[in-house]
Amino acid sequence: MTRAWISAGTNVEPERNMRAAIDNLRQVFGELVLSPVYRTQAVGFEGDDFLNMVIGIDTDLPPDRLRGRLREIEKRLGRMRGEEKFSPRTIDLDLLTWGDLMDEAAGIPRDEILRYAFVLKPLVDVAPGEIYPGSQKTYRQLWDEHQGSDGLLRVVRLD
């Protein structure tokens, strides 16, 4: 089994869709590691705030098949592929890491980890001592060096 980290984000009926994504992931993969959920402003476009979190799973699926399962869940929750990159989302499930695999062609690890506080901070919450693949730095060290502002991240509860 390999630990994979998945980012989840939504700004369309965000509380409902985030809960539904967690439920669907739990049905498919079993026990999950859940970061806190953060409310953040939309990035790259004017729109409603997003809810973002990171979810850890243990899987024996290779990355391409795992991505396929994530796309199935997105579709089940109303996600339409082909949307613009920066647009409202019912749910967005992105494979961030798959163990310590480094595969630039497959986008693993996903570069958003280093670019966006709403991806890196939840990873710090659940795996502060884990090493970012291909580096000698932990997620905590990367967060300490991050140029973004954590002031834009607000923890919210999904009740």
Protein backbone atom coordinates (compact mmCIF):
# COMPACT_ATOMS: atom_id res chain seq x y z
CA MET A 1 0.00 0.00 0.00
CA THR A 2 1.16 3.50 -0.83
CA ARG A 3 0.13 6.73 0.88
CA ALA A 4 -1.33 9.19 -1.60
CA TRP A 5 -2.31 12.76 -0.78
CA ILE A 6 -5.26 14.30 -2.60
CA SER A 7 -6.35 17.92 -2.58
CA ALA A 8 -10.08 18.60 -2.54
CA GLY A 9 -11.64 21.93 -3.40
CA THR A 10 -15.12 23.24 -4.09
CA ASN A 11 -16.96 26.55 -4.28
CA VAL A 12 -20.36 25.33 -5.50
CA GLU A 13 -22.51 24.33 -2.53
CA PRO A 14 -19.14 23.84 -0.85
CA GLU A 15 -20.18 22.31 2.48
CA ARG A 16 -22.46 19.75 0.82
CA ASN A 17 -19.99 18.89 -1.94
CA MET A 18 -17.00 18.58 0.40
CA ARG A 19 -18.94 16.23 2.70
CA ALA A 20 -20.07 14.22 -0.34
CA ALA A 21 -16.48 13.98 -1.62
CA ILE A 22 -15.26 12.73 1.78
CA ASP A 23 -18.09 10.18 1.91
CA ASN A 24 -17.35 8.95 -1.62
CA LEU A 25 -13.61 8.68 -0.96
CA ARG A 26 -14.29 6.78 2.25
CA GLN A 27 -16.56 4.33 0.39
CA VAL A 28 -13.88 3.66 -2.23
CA PHE A 29 -10.69 3.75 -0.13
CA GLY A 30 -11.75 3.10 3.46
CA GLU A 31 -10.05 4.99 6.26
CA LEU A 32 -8.99 8.54 5.37
CA VAL A 33 -6.60 11.05 6.87
CA LEU A 34 -8.38 14.42 6.84
CA SER A 35 -6.80 17.84 7.19
CA PRO A 36 -8.77 20.75 8.54
CA VAL A 37 -11.02 22.40 5.95
CA TYR A 38 -10.02 25.91 4.95
CA ARG A 39 -12.11 28.67 3.42
CA THR A 40 -10.12 30.67 0.87
CA GLN A 41 -10.79 33.27 -1.73
CA ALA A 42 -11.07 32.17 -5.34
CA VAL A 43 -7.69 32.25 -7.10
CA GLY A 44 -7.40 33.35 -10.73
CA PHE A 45 -10.99 34.55 -11.09
CA GLU A 46 -13.76 36.42 -9.31
CA GLY A 47 -16.02 33.93 -7.59
CA ASP A 48 -17.37 32.52 -4.38
CA ASP A 49 -14.93 31.38 -1.71
CA PHE A 50 -13.59 27.84 -1.90
CA LEU A 51 -13.38 25.16 0.72
CA ASN A 52 -10.06 23.30 0.45
CA MET A 53 -8.51 20.39 2.29
CA VAL A 54 -6.05 17.53 1.85
CA ILE A 55 -7.06 13.89 2.19
CA GLY A 56 -4.68 10.98 2.69
CA ILE A 57 -5.44 7.48 1.48
CA ASP A 58 -3.54 4.22 1.42
CA THR A 59 -3.92 2.52 -1.94
CA ASP A 60 -2.49 -0.18 -4.15
CA LEU A 61 -3.76 1.57 -7.30
CA PRO A 62 -1.07 3.05 -9.55
CA PRO A 63 -1.34 6.82 -10.09
CA ASP A 64 -3.14 6.66 -13.45
CA ARG A 65 -5.84 4.33 -12.14
CA LEU A 66 -6.13 6.36 -8.94
CA ARG A 67 -6.70 9.51 -11.00
CA GLY A 68 -9.39 7.62 -12.91
CA ARG A 69 -11.18 6.81 -9.66
CA LEU A 70 -10.94 10.45 -8.58
CA ARG A 71 -12.46 11.54 -11.92
CA GLU A 72 -15.33 9.05 -11.42
CA ILE A 73 -16.08 10.61 -8.02
CA GLU A 74 -15.91 14.12 -9.48
CA LYS A 75 -18.33 13.14 -12.23
CA ARG A 76 -20.71 11.51 -9.74
CA LEU A 77 -20.71 14.81 -7.81
CA GLY A 78 -21.53 16.87 -10.90
CA ARG A 79 -18.08 17.98 -12.08
CA MET A 80 -17.96 18.71 -15.78
CA ARG A 81 -14.48 18.27 -17.30
CA GLY A 82 -13.45 20.83 -19.86
CA GLU A 83 -14.21 23.73 -17.55
CA GLU A 84 -11.72 26.56 -17.52
CA LYS A 85 -8.86 26.03 -15.07
CA PHE A 86 -9.90 28.98 -12.94
CA SER A 87 -13.68 28.62 -12.61
CA PRO A 88 -16.31 27.51 -10.09
CA ARG A 89 -16.16 23.80 -9.17
CA THR A 90 -18.61 21.36 -7.66
CA ILE A 91 -15.54 19.36 -6.62
CA ASP A 92 -11.93 19.15 -7.68
CA LEU A 93 -9.91 16.10 -6.57
CA ASP A 94 -6.25 16.32 -7.53
CA LEU A 95 -3.58 13.72 -6.84
CA LEU A 96 -0.80 15.62 -5.09
CA THR A 97 1.64 12.85 -4.23
CA TRP A 98 1.86 9.09 -4.53
CA GLY A 99 4.40 7.86 -2.01
CA ASP A 100 7.79 9.34 -2.85
CA LEU A 101 7.24 9.02 -6.60
CA MET A 102 8.70 11.75 -8.79
CA ASP A 103 7.24 11.69 -12.30
CA GLU A 104 7.32 15.04 -14.05
CA ALA A 105 5.36 13.76 -17.05
CA ALA A 106 2.57 12.59 -14.73
CA GLY A 107 2.66 15.77 -12.65
CA ILE A 108 3.70 13.98 -9.45
CA PRO A 109 4.31 15.62 -7.10
CA ARG A 110 1.83 18.29 -8.14
CA ASP A 111 3.47 21.71 -8.31
CA GLU A 112 0.52 23.42 -6.61
CA ILE A 113 1.95 22.12 -3.32
CA LEU A 114 4.74 24.68 -3.58
CA ARG A 115 2.62 27.48 -5.06
CA TYR A 116 -0.57 27.69 -3.03
CA ALA A 117 -1.06 28.06 0.71
CA PHE A 118 -4.45 26.32 0.44
CA VAL A 119 -2.63 23.15 -0.67
CA LEU A 120 0.57 23.33 1.38
CA LYS A 121 -0.95 24.32 4.74
CA PRO A 122 -3.35 21.36 4.92
CA LEU A 123 -0.40 19.04 4.11
CA VAL A 124 1.52 20.62 6.98
CA ASP A 125 -1.45 19.93 9.26
CA VAL A 126 -1.53 16.19 8.48
CA ALA A 127 2.07 15.38 7.49
CA PRO A 128 4.42 18.07 8.84
CA GLY A 129 7.46 15.80 8.96
CA GLU A 130 6.93 14.11 5.60
CA ILE A 131 9.51 14.94 2.94
CA TYR A 132 8.35 16.60 -0.27
CA PRO A 133 9.35 14.11 -3.00
CA GLY A 134 12.67 14.97 -4.62
CA SER A 135 13.72 17.40 -1.93
CA GLN A 136 15.31 17.23 1.47
CA LYS A 137 12.61 19.42 2.98
CA THR A 138 9.57 18.56 5.04
CA TYR A 139 6.21 20.14 4.42
CA ARG A 140 6.74 22.11 7.66
CA GLN A 141 10.03 23.50 6.34
CA LEU A 142 8.41 24.37 3.02
CA TRP A 143 5.59 26.15 4.86
CA ASP A 144 8.07 28.12 6.96
CA GLU A 145 9.68 29.30 3.70
CA HIS A 146 6.39 29.85 1.86
CA GLN A 147 5.96 33.36 0.47
CA GLY A 148 2.15 33.26 0.59
CA SER A 149 0.03 34.51 3.43
CA ASP A 150 -1.74 32.13 5.75
CA GLY A 151 -3.99 35.03 6.78
CA LEU A 152 -6.22 34.20 3.80
CA LEU A 153 -6.90 30.72 5.17
CA ARG A 154 -9.76 30.35 7.64
CA VAL A 155 -10.54 26.99 9.23
CA VAL A 156 -14.19 25.98 8.93
CA ARG A 157 -16.08 23.04 10.37
CA LEU A 158 -18.17 20.69 8.29
CA ASP A 159 -21.00 19.70 10.59
